[in-house]
Full PDB file with SEQRES, HELIX, SHEET, SSBOND, CRYST1, ORIGX, SCALE, CONECT and MASTER records, all heavy atoms in Angstrom:
SEQRES   1 A   39  ALA GLY PHE ALA VAL SER ALA VAL ALA ASP GLY LEU GLY          
SEQRES   2 A   39  SER SER ALA HIS SER ASP VAL ALA SER GLU LEU ALA ALA          
SEQRES   3 A   39  ARG GLY ALA ALA GLU PHE CYS LEU ARG ASN ILE ARG ARG          
HELIX    1 AA1 SER A   18  ASN A   36  1                                  19    
CRYST1    1.000    1.000    1.000  90.00  90.00  90.00 P 1           1          
ORIGX1      1.000000  0.000000  0.000000        0.00000                         
ORIGX2      0.000000  1.000000  0.000000        0.00000                         
ORIGX3      0.000000  0.000000  1.000000        0.00000                         
SCALE1      1.000000  0.000000  0.000000        0.00000                         
SCALE2      0.000000  1.000000  0.000000        0.00000                         
SCALE3      0.000000  0.000000  1.000000        0.00000                         
ATOM      1  N   ALA A   1    -259.859  41.874 150.390  1.00  0.00           N  
ATOM      2  CA  ALA A   1    -260.593  43.012 149.766  1.00  0.00           C  
ATOM      3  C   ALA A   1    -259.546  43.699 148.822  1.00  0.00           C  
ATOM      4  O   ALA A   1    -258.802  44.578 149.222  1.00  0.00           O  
ATOM      5  CB  ALA A   1    -261.060  43.961 150.855  1.00  0.00           C  
ATOM      6  N   GLY A   2    -259.523  43.287 147.542  1.00  0.00           N  
ATOM      7  CA  GLY A   2    -258.705  43.921 146.548  1.00  0.00           C  
ATOM      8  C   GLY A   2    -257.268  43.367 146.436  1.00  0.00           C  
ATOM      9  O   GLY A   2    -256.401  43.960 145.794  1.00  0.00           O  
ATOM     10  N   PHE A   3    -257.050  42.201 146.976  1.00  0.00           N  
ATOM     11  CA  PHE A   3    -255.723  41.551 146.868  1.00  0.00           C  
ATOM     12  C   PHE A   3    -255.888  40.022 147.053  1.00  0.00           C  
ATOM     13  O   PHE A   3    -256.939  39.563 147.514  1.00  0.00           O  
ATOM     14  CB  PHE A   3    -254.755  42.100 147.929  1.00  0.00           C  
ATOM     15  CG  PHE A   3    -255.066  41.745 149.360  1.00  0.00           C  
ATOM     16  CD1 PHE A   3    -254.486  40.641 149.936  1.00  0.00           C  
ATOM     17  CD2 PHE A   3    -255.956  42.494 150.049  1.00  0.00           C  
ATOM     18  CE1 PHE A   3    -254.814  40.289 151.253  1.00  0.00           C  
ATOM     19  CE2 PHE A   3    -256.291  42.154 151.404  1.00  0.00           C  
ATOM     20  CZ  PHE A   3    -255.718  41.064 152.006  1.00  0.00           C  
ATOM     21  N   ALA A   4    -254.866  39.341 146.613  1.00  0.00           N  
ATOM     22  CA  ALA A   4    -254.824  37.875 146.700  1.00  0.00           C  
ATOM     23  C   ALA A   4    -253.566  37.466 147.417  1.00  0.00           C  
ATOM     24  O   ALA A   4    -252.555  38.141 147.295  1.00  0.00           O  
ATOM     25  CB  ALA A   4    -254.928  37.220 145.342  1.00  0.00           C  
ATOM     26  N   VAL A   5    -253.663  36.372 148.200  1.00  0.00           N  
ATOM     27  CA  VAL A   5    -252.500  35.792 148.860  1.00  0.00           C  
ATOM     28  C   VAL A   5    -252.394  34.343 148.456  1.00  0.00           C  
ATOM     29  O   VAL A   5    -253.392  33.612 148.351  1.00  0.00           O  
ATOM     30  CB  VAL A   5    -252.652  35.847 150.441  1.00  0.00           C  
ATOM     31  CG1 VAL A   5    -251.468  35.186 151.097  1.00  0.00           C  
ATOM     32  CG2 VAL A   5    -252.803  37.280 150.870  1.00  0.00           C  
ATOM     33  N   SER A   6    -251.126  33.952 148.121  1.00  0.00           N  
ATOM     34  CA  SER A   6    -250.912  32.534 147.778  1.00  0.00           C  
ATOM     35  C   SER A   6    -249.632  32.084 148.454  1.00  0.00           C  
ATOM     36  O   SER A   6    -248.669  32.842 148.579  1.00  0.00           O  
ATOM     37  CB  SER A   6    -250.755  32.454 146.264  1.00  0.00           C  
ATOM     38  OG  SER A   6    -250.697  31.150 145.857  1.00  0.00           O  
ATOM     39  N   ALA A   7    -249.642  30.804 148.931  1.00  0.00           N  
ATOM     40  CA  ALA A   7    -248.449  30.307 149.602  1.00  0.00           C  
ATOM     41  C   ALA A   7    -248.219  28.808 149.150  1.00  0.00           C  
ATOM     42  O   ALA A   7    -249.167  28.112 149.008  1.00  0.00           O  
ATOM     43  CB  ALA A   7    -248.625  30.391 151.079  1.00  0.00           C  
ATOM     44  N   VAL A   8    -246.972  28.437 149.084  1.00  0.00           N  
ATOM     45  CA  VAL A   8    -246.595  27.038 148.835  1.00  0.00           C  
ATOM     46  C   VAL A   8    -245.561  26.697 149.876  1.00  0.00           C  
ATOM     47  O   VAL A   8    -244.708  27.516 150.257  1.00  0.00           O  
ATOM     48  CB  VAL A   8    -246.062  26.743 147.430  1.00  0.00           C  
ATOM     49  CG1 VAL A   8    -247.134  26.959 146.417  1.00  0.00           C  
ATOM     50  CG2 VAL A   8    -244.806  27.567 147.108  1.00  0.00           C  
ATOM     51  N   ALA A   9    -245.595  25.450 150.347  1.00  0.00           N  
ATOM     52  CA  ALA A   9    -244.631  24.923 151.309  1.00  0.00           C  
ATOM     53  C   ALA A   9    -244.243  23.547 150.848  1.00  0.00           C  
ATOM     54  O   ALA A   9    -245.142  22.709 150.444  1.00  0.00           O  
ATOM     55  CB  ALA A   9    -245.157  24.971 152.690  1.00  0.00           C  
ATOM     56  N   ASP A  10    -243.012  23.207 150.908  1.00  0.00           N  
ATOM     57  CA  ASP A  10    -242.481  21.899 150.492  1.00  0.00           C  
ATOM     58  C   ASP A  10    -241.789  21.260 151.691  1.00  0.00           C  
ATOM     59  O   ASP A  10    -240.722  21.702 152.119  1.00  0.00           O  
ATOM     60  CB  ASP A  10    -241.513  22.092 149.343  1.00  0.00           C  
ATOM     61  CG  ASP A  10    -240.971  20.756 148.762  1.00  0.00           C  
ATOM     62  OD1 ASP A  10    -241.364  19.659 149.321  1.00  0.00           O  
ATOM     63  OD2 ASP A  10    -240.195  20.844 147.894  1.00  0.00           O  
ATOM     64  N   GLY A  11    -242.434  20.244 152.259  1.00  0.00           N  
ATOM     65  CA  GLY A  11    -241.835  19.500 153.439  1.00  0.00           C  
ATOM     66  C   GLY A  11    -240.625  18.763 152.965  1.00  0.00           C  
ATOM     67  O   GLY A  11    -240.564  18.158 151.906  1.00  0.00           O  
ATOM     68  N   LEU A  12    -239.593  18.867 153.749  1.00  0.00           N  
ATOM     69  CA  LEU A  12    -238.302  18.196 153.420  1.00  0.00           C  
ATOM     70  C   LEU A  12    -238.459  16.671 153.560  1.00  0.00           C  
ATOM     71  O   LEU A  12    -238.899  16.274 154.677  1.00  0.00           O  
ATOM     72  CB  LEU A  12    -237.158  18.748 154.258  1.00  0.00           C  
ATOM     73  CG  LEU A  12    -236.522  20.043 153.751  1.00  0.00           C  
ATOM     74  CD1 LEU A  12    -237.507  21.208 153.634  1.00  0.00           C  
ATOM     75  CD2 LEU A  12    -235.314  20.418 154.586  1.00  0.00           C  
ATOM     76  N   GLY A  13    -238.186  15.988 152.530  1.00  0.00           N  
ATOM     77  CA  GLY A  13    -238.399  14.512 152.515  1.00  0.00           C  
ATOM     78  C   GLY A  13    -237.705  13.722 153.631  1.00  0.00           C  
ATOM     79  O   GLY A  13    -238.105  12.694 153.996  1.00  0.00           O  
ATOM     80  N   SER A  14    -236.634  14.308 154.180  1.00  0.00           N  
ATOM     81  CA  SER A  14    -235.915  13.584 155.264  1.00  0.00           C  
ATOM     82  C   SER A  14    -236.550  13.789 156.596  1.00  0.00           C  
ATOM     83  O   SER A  14    -236.151  13.158 157.591  1.00  0.00           O  
ATOM     84  CB  SER A  14    -234.501  14.092 155.312  1.00  0.00           C  
ATOM     85  OG  SER A  14    -234.473  15.504 155.535  1.00  0.00           O  
ATOM     86  N   SER A  15    -237.648  14.583 156.645  1.00  0.00           N  
ATOM     87  CA  SER A  15    -238.321  14.879 157.990  1.00  0.00           C  
ATOM     88  C   SER A  15    -239.589  14.053 158.089  1.00  0.00           C  
ATOM     89  O   SER A  15    -240.459  14.060 157.182  1.00  0.00           O  
ATOM     90  CB  SER A  15    -238.615  16.358 158.028  1.00  0.00           C  
ATOM     91  OG  SER A  15    -237.428  17.104 157.995  1.00  0.00           O  
ATOM     92  N   ALA A  16    -239.753  13.463 159.210  1.00  0.00           N  
ATOM     93  CA  ALA A  16    -240.839  12.472 159.424  1.00  0.00           C  
ATOM     94  C   ALA A  16    -242.257  13.161 159.334  1.00  0.00           C  
ATOM     95  O   ALA A  16    -243.158  12.521 158.901  1.00  0.00           O  
ATOM     96  CB  ALA A  16    -240.725  11.784 160.779  1.00  0.00           C  
ATOM     97  N   HIS A  17    -242.345  14.403 159.738  1.00  0.00           N  
ATOM     98  CA  HIS A  17    -243.655  15.084 159.781  1.00  0.00           C  
ATOM     99  C   HIS A  17    -243.658  16.350 158.920  1.00  0.00           C  
ATOM    100  O   HIS A  17    -244.362  17.312 159.280  1.00  0.00           O  
ATOM    101  CB  HIS A  17    -244.070  15.403 161.214  1.00  0.00           C  
ATOM    102  CG  HIS A  17    -244.084  14.209 162.114  1.00  0.00           C  
ATOM    103  ND1 HIS A  17    -245.056  13.228 161.948  1.00  0.00           N  
ATOM    104  CD2 HIS A  17    -243.264  13.762 163.115  1.00  0.00           C  
ATOM    105  CE1 HIS A  17    -244.841  12.313 162.898  1.00  0.00           C  
ATOM    106  NE2 HIS A  17    -243.722  12.622 163.579  1.00  0.00           N  
ATOM    107  N   SER A  18    -242.885  16.334 157.857  1.00  0.00           N  
ATOM    108  CA  SER A  18    -242.777  17.526 157.018  1.00  0.00           C  
ATOM    109  C   SER A  18    -244.129  17.865 156.312  1.00  0.00           C  
ATOM    110  O   SER A  18    -244.380  18.964 156.016  1.00  0.00           O  
ATOM    111  CB  SER A  18    -241.662  17.384 156.024  1.00  0.00           C  
ATOM    112  OG  SER A  18    -241.933  16.306 155.151  1.00  0.00           O  
ATOM    113  N   ASP A  19    -244.971  16.784 156.107  1.00  0.00           N  
ATOM    114  CA  ASP A  19    -246.345  17.103 155.521  1.00  0.00           C  
ATOM    115  C   ASP A  19    -247.141  17.960 156.469  1.00  0.00           C  
ATOM    116  O   ASP A  19    -247.860  18.887 156.034  1.00  0.00           O  
ATOM    117  CB  ASP A  19    -247.006  15.778 155.130  1.00  0.00           C  
ATOM    118  CG  ASP A  19    -247.181  14.883 156.308  1.00  0.00           C  
ATOM    119  OD1 ASP A  19    -246.267  14.809 157.210  1.00  0.00           O  
ATOM    120  OD2 ASP A  19    -248.233  14.178 156.393  1.00  0.00           O  
ATOM    121  N   VAL A  20    -247.052  17.657 157.773  1.00  0.00           N  
ATOM    122  CA  VAL A  20    -247.770  18.447 158.763  1.00  0.00           C  
ATOM    123  C   VAL A  20    -247.233  19.893 158.803  1.00  0.00           C  
ATOM    124  O   VAL A  20    -247.924  20.852 158.804  1.00  0.00           O  
ATOM    125  CB  VAL A  20    -247.673  17.823 160.138  1.00  0.00           C  
ATOM    126  CG1 VAL A  20    -248.247  18.708 161.260  1.00  0.00           C  
ATOM    127  CG2 VAL A  20    -248.285  16.429 160.151  1.00  0.00           C  
ATOM    128  N   ALA A  21    -245.894  19.994 158.805  1.00  0.00           N  
ATOM    129  CA  ALA A  21    -245.272  21.353 158.805  1.00  0.00           C  
ATOM    130  C   ALA A  21    -245.591  22.118 157.585  1.00  0.00           C  
ATOM    131  O   ALA A  21    -245.875  23.341 157.718  1.00  0.00           O  
ATOM    132  CB  ALA A  21    -243.721  21.190 158.981  1.00  0.00           C  
ATOM    133  N   SER A  22    -245.641  21.488 156.435  1.00  0.00           N  
ATOM    134  CA  SER A  22    -245.873  22.242 155.243  1.00  0.00           C  
ATOM    135  C   SER A  22    -247.353  22.782 155.192  1.00  0.00           C  
ATOM    136  O   SER A  22    -247.598  23.937 154.827  1.00  0.00           O  
ATOM    137  CB  SER A  22    -245.622  21.457 153.939  1.00  0.00           C  
ATOM    138  OG  SER A  22    -246.544  20.442 153.824  1.00  0.00           O  
ATOM    139  N   GLU A  23    -248.265  22.007 155.714  1.00  0.00           N  
ATOM    140  CA  GLU A  23    -249.660  22.451 155.799  1.00  0.00           C  
ATOM    141  C   GLU A  23    -249.836  23.584 156.834  1.00  0.00           C  
ATOM    142  O   GLU A  23    -250.489  24.571 156.579  1.00  0.00           O  
ATOM    143  CB  GLU A  23    -250.539  21.248 156.285  1.00  0.00           C  
ATOM    144  CG  GLU A  23    -251.976  21.617 156.548  1.00  0.00           C  
ATOM    145  CD  GLU A  23    -252.813  22.121 155.320  1.00  0.00           C  
ATOM    146  OE1 GLU A  23    -252.413  21.827 154.174  1.00  0.00           O  
ATOM    147  OE2 GLU A  23    -253.832  22.843 155.544  1.00  0.00           O  
ATOM    148  N   LEU A  24    -249.176  23.431 157.978  1.00  0.00           N  
ATOM    149  CA  LEU A  24    -249.172  24.535 158.952  1.00  0.00           C  
ATOM    150  C   LEU A  24    -248.596  25.830 158.373  1.00  0.00           C  
ATOM    151  O   LEU A  24    -249.178  26.926 158.635  1.00  0.00           O  
ATOM    152  CB  LEU A  24    -248.435  24.146 160.225  1.00  0.00           C  
ATOM    153  CG  LEU A  24    -249.033  23.046 161.119  1.00  0.00           C  
ATOM    154  CD1 LEU A  24    -248.056  22.624 162.201  1.00  0.00           C  
ATOM    155  CD2 LEU A  24    -250.309  23.551 161.773  1.00  0.00           C  
ATOM    156  N   ALA A  25    -247.524  25.712 157.656  1.00  0.00           N  
ATOM    157  CA  ALA A  25    -246.828  26.856 157.126  1.00  0.00           C  
ATOM    158  C   ALA A  25    -247.688  27.612 156.085  1.00  0.00           C  
ATOM    159  O   ALA A  25    -247.912  28.825 156.159  1.00  0.00           O  
ATOM    160  CB  ALA A  25    -245.469  26.496 156.545  1.00  0.00           C  
ATOM    161  N   ALA A  26    -248.089  26.885 155.009  1.00  0.00           N  
ATOM    162  CA  ALA A  26    -248.801  27.496 153.904  1.00  0.00           C  
ATOM    163  C   ALA A  26    -250.117  28.052 154.382  1.00  0.00           C  
ATOM    164  O   ALA A  26    -250.440  29.271 154.090  1.00  0.00           O  
ATOM    165  CB  ALA A  26    -249.015  26.485 152.783  1.00  0.00           C  
ATOM    166  N   ARG A  27    -250.927  27.295 155.022  1.00  0.00           N  
ATOM    167  CA  ARG A  27    -252.220  27.773 155.517  1.00  0.00           C  
ATOM    168  C   ARG A  27    -252.146  28.899 156.531  1.00  0.00           C  
ATOM    169  O   ARG A  27    -252.733  29.960 156.442  1.00  0.00           O  
ATOM    170  CB  ARG A  27    -253.065  26.609 156.085  1.00  0.00           C  
ATOM    171  CG  ARG A  27    -254.392  27.083 156.659  1.00  0.00           C  
ATOM    172  CD  ARG A  27    -255.216  25.907 157.284  1.00  0.00           C  
ATOM    173  NE  ARG A  27    -255.579  24.929 156.273  1.00  0.00           N  
ATOM    174  CZ  ARG A  27    -256.641  25.038 155.503  1.00  0.00           C  
ATOM    175  NH1 ARG A  27    -257.480  26.114 155.624  1.00  0.00           N  
ATOM    176  NH2 ARG A  27    -256.968  24.136 154.608  1.00  0.00           N  
ATOM    177  N   GLY A  28    -251.203  28.651 157.492  1.00  0.00           N  
ATOM    178  CA  GLY A  28    -251.057  29.654 158.593  1.00  0.00           C  
ATOM    179  C   GLY A  28    -250.554  30.969 158.110  1.00  0.00           C  
ATOM    180  O   GLY A  28    -251.105  32.058 158.503  1.00  0.00           O  
ATOM    181  N   ALA A  29    -249.565  31.017 157.268  1.00  0.00           N  
ATOM    182  CA  ALA A  29    -248.992  32.311 156.773  1.00  0.00           C  
ATOM    183  C   ALA A  29    -249.998  33.012 155.894  1.00  0.00           C  
ATOM    184  O   ALA A  29    -250.222  34.238 156.000  1.00  0.00           O  
ATOM    185  CB  ALA A  29    -247.689  32.045 156.014  1.00  0.00           C  
ATOM    186  N   ALA A  30    -250.690  32.294 155.015  1.00  0.00           N  
ATOM    187  CA  ALA A  30    -251.670  32.920 154.121  1.00  0.00           C  
ATOM    188  C   ALA A  30    -252.844  33.530 154.896  1.00  0.00           C  
ATOM    189  O   ALA A  30    -253.289  34.603 154.632  1.00  0.00           O  
ATOM    190  CB  ALA A  30    -252.106  31.968 153.035  1.00  0.00           C  
ATOM    191  N   GLU A  31    -253.307  32.707 155.786  1.00  0.00           N  
ATOM    192  CA  GLU A  31    -254.484  33.226 156.645  1.00  0.00           C  
ATOM    193  C   GLU A  31    -254.070  34.424 157.491  1.00  0.00           C  
ATOM    194  O   GLU A  31    -254.828  35.407 157.621  1.00  0.00           O  
ATOM    195  CB  GLU A  31    -255.009  32.120 157.522  1.00  0.00           C  
ATOM    196  CG  GLU A  31    -255.837  31.074 156.688  1.00  0.00           C  
ATOM    197  CD  GLU A  31    -256.424  29.931 157.546  1.00  0.00           C  
ATOM    198  OE1 GLU A  31    -255.965  29.791 158.687  1.00  0.00           O  
ATOM    199  OE2 GLU A  31    -257.223  29.212 157.030  1.00  0.00           O  
ATOM    200  N   PHE A  32    -252.828  34.416 158.040  1.00  0.00           N  
ATOM    201  CA  PHE A  32    -252.358  35.573 158.827  1.00  0.00           C  
ATOM    202  C   PHE A  32    -252.350  36.819 157.924  1.00  0.00           C  
ATOM    203  O   PHE A  32    -252.842  37.870 158.323  1.00  0.00           O  
ATOM    204  CB  PHE A  32    -250.930  35.264 159.286  1.00  0.00           C  
ATOM    205  CG  PHE A  32    -250.386  36.304 160.248  1.00  0.00           C  
ATOM    206  CD1 PHE A  32    -250.476  36.184 161.564  1.00  0.00           C  
ATOM    207  CD2 PHE A  32    -249.756  37.460 159.668  1.00  0.00           C  
ATOM    208  CE1 PHE A  32    -249.977  37.173 162.431  1.00  0.00           C  
ATOM    209  CE2 PHE A  32    -249.271  38.416 160.548  1.00  0.00           C  
ATOM    210  CZ  PHE A  32    -249.362  38.291 161.917  1.00  0.00           C  
ATOM    211  N   CYS A  33    -251.860  36.703 156.698  1.00  0.00           N  
ATOM    212  CA  CYS A  33    -251.819  37.875 155.789  1.00  0.00           C  
ATOM    213  C   CYS A  33    -253.219  38.305 155.379  1.00  0.00           C  
ATOM    214  O   CYS A  33    -253.477  39.498 155.339  1.00  0.00           O  
ATOM    215  CB  CYS A  33    -251.013  37.512 154.540  1.00  0.00           C  
ATOM    216  SG  CYS A  33    -249.223  37.320 154.875  1.00  0.00           S  
ATOM    217  N   LEU A  34    -254.095  37.350 155.158  1.00  0.00           N  
ATOM    218  CA  LEU A  34    -255.491  37.737 154.797  1.00  0.00           C  
ATOM    219  C   LEU A  34    -256.190  38.465 155.916  1.00  0.00           C  
ATOM    220  O   LEU A  34    -256.940  39.361 155.687  1.00  0.00           O  
ATOM    221  CB  LEU A  34    -256.338  36.497 154.390  1.00  0.00           C  
ATOM    222  CG  LEU A  34    -255.957  35.873 153.062  1.00  0.00           C  
ATOM    223  CD1 LEU A  34    -256.540  34.445 152.936  1.00  0.00           C  
ATOM    224  CD2 LEU A  34    -256.479  36.750 151.929  1.00  0.00           C  
ATOM    225  N   ARG A  35    -255.879  38.158 157.164  1.00  0.00           N  
ATOM    226  CA  ARG A  35    -256.452  38.824 158.272  1.00  0.00           C  
ATOM    227  C   ARG A  35    -255.819  40.215 158.546  1.00  0.00           C  
ATOM    228  O   ARG A  35    -256.499  41.089 159.135  1.00  0.00           O  
ATOM    229  CB  ARG A  35    -256.276  37.993 159.634  1.00  0.00           C  
ATOM    230  CG  ARG A  35    -257.150  36.806 159.722  1.00  0.00           C  
ATOM    231  CD  ARG A  35    -257.083  36.199 161.139  1.00  0.00           C  
ATOM    232  NE  ARG A  35    -255.768  35.950 161.655  1.00  0.00           N  
ATOM    233  CZ  ARG A  35    -255.056  34.851 161.434  1.00  0.00           C  
ATOM    234  NH1 ARG A  35    -255.596  33.848 160.733  1.00  0.00           N  
ATOM    235  NH2 ARG A  35    -253.873  34.703 161.955  1.00  0.00           N  
ATOM    236  N   ASN A  36    -254.572  40.409 158.190  1.00  0.00           N  
ATOM    237  CA  ASN A  36    -253.848  41.635 158.607  1.00  0.00           C  
ATOM    238  C   ASN A  36    -253.499  42.607 157.530  1.00  0.00           C  
ATOM    239  O   ASN A  36    -253.030  43.715 157.868  1.00  0.00           O  
ATOM    240  CB  ASN A  36    -252.571  41.157 159.356  1.00  0.00           C  
ATOM    241  CG  ASN A  36    -252.927  40.528 160.676  1.00  0.00           C  
ATOM    242  OD1 ASN A  36    -253.371  41.202 161.617  1.00  0.00           O  
ATOM    243  ND2 ASN A  36    -252.829  39.194 160.741  1.00  0.00           N  
ATOM    244  N   ILE A  37    -253.631  42.233 156.312  1.00  0.00           N  
ATOM    245  CA  ILE A  37    -253.313  43.196 155.216  1.00  0.00           C  
ATOM    246  C   ILE A  37    -254.591  43.918 154.767  1.00  0.00           C  
ATOM    247  O   ILE A  37    -255.636  43.302 154.663  1.00  0.00           O  
ATOM    248  CB  ILE A  37    -252.668  42.471 154.012  1.00  0.00           C  
ATOM    249  CG1 ILE A  37    -251.272  41.975 154.403  1.00  0.00           C  
ATOM    250  CG2 ILE A  37    -252.595  43.381 152.755  1.00  0.00           C  
ATOM    251  CD1 ILE A  37    -250.535  41.140 153.397  1.00  0.00           C  
ATOM    252  N   ARG A  38    -254.410  45.201 154.497  1.00  0.00           N  
ATOM    253  CA  ARG A  38    -255.575  46.019 154.070  1.00  0.00           C  
ATOM    254  C   ARG A  38    -255.118  46.919 152.857  1.00  0.00           C  
ATOM    255  O   ARG A  38    -253.915  47.252 152.801  1.00  0.00           O  
ATOM    256  CB  ARG A  38    -256.011  47.025 155.156  1.00  0.00           C  
ATOM    257  CG  ARG A  38    -256.459  46.324 156.413  1.00  0.00           C  
ATOM    258  CD  ARG A  38    -257.843  45.680 156.245  1.00  0.00           C  
ATOM    259  NE  ARG A  38    -258.184  44.915 157.395  1.00  0.00           N  
ATOM    260  CZ  ARG A  38    -258.119  43.545 157.476  1.00  0.00           C  
ATOM    261  NH1 ARG A  38    -257.612  42.892 156.481  1.00  0.00           N  
ATOM    262  NH2 ARG A  38    -258.456  42.950 158.590  1.00  0.00           N  
ATOM    263  N   ARG A  39    -255.980  47.200 151.980  1.00  0.00           N  
ATOM    264  CA  ARG A  39    -255.633  48.109 150.886  1.00  0.00           C  
ATOM    265  C   ARG A  39    -255.239  49.452 151.469  1.00  0.00           C  
ATOM    266  O   ARG A  39    -255.688  49.835 152.507  1.00  0.00           O  
ATOM    267  CB  ARG A  39    -256.879  48.297 149.963  1.00  0.00           C  
ATOM    268  CG  ARG A  39    -257.227  47.086 149.165  1.00  0.00           C  
ATOM    269  CD  ARG A  39    -258.270  47.366 148.071  1.00  0.00           C  
ATOM    270  NE  ARG A  39    -257.815  48.333 147.076  1.00  0.00           N  
ATOM    271  CZ  ARG A  39    -256.898  48.081 146.112  1.00  0.00           C  
ATOM    272  NH1 ARG A  39    -256.346  46.961 146.051  1.00  0.00           N  
ATOM    273  NH2 ARG A  39    -256.631  49.027 145.257  1.00  0.00           N  
TER     274      ARG A  39                                                      
MASTER        0    0    0    1    0    0    0    6  273    1    0    3          
END                                                                             
């Protein structure tokens, strides 16, 4: 409501499941902010 949230995450190439971690990080952090920030 009156703001935008954007997140990017870059999984480290040397990590076997960094694609999973980057998805959890970007989506989770942005959704947390969308739920908890108010004008």
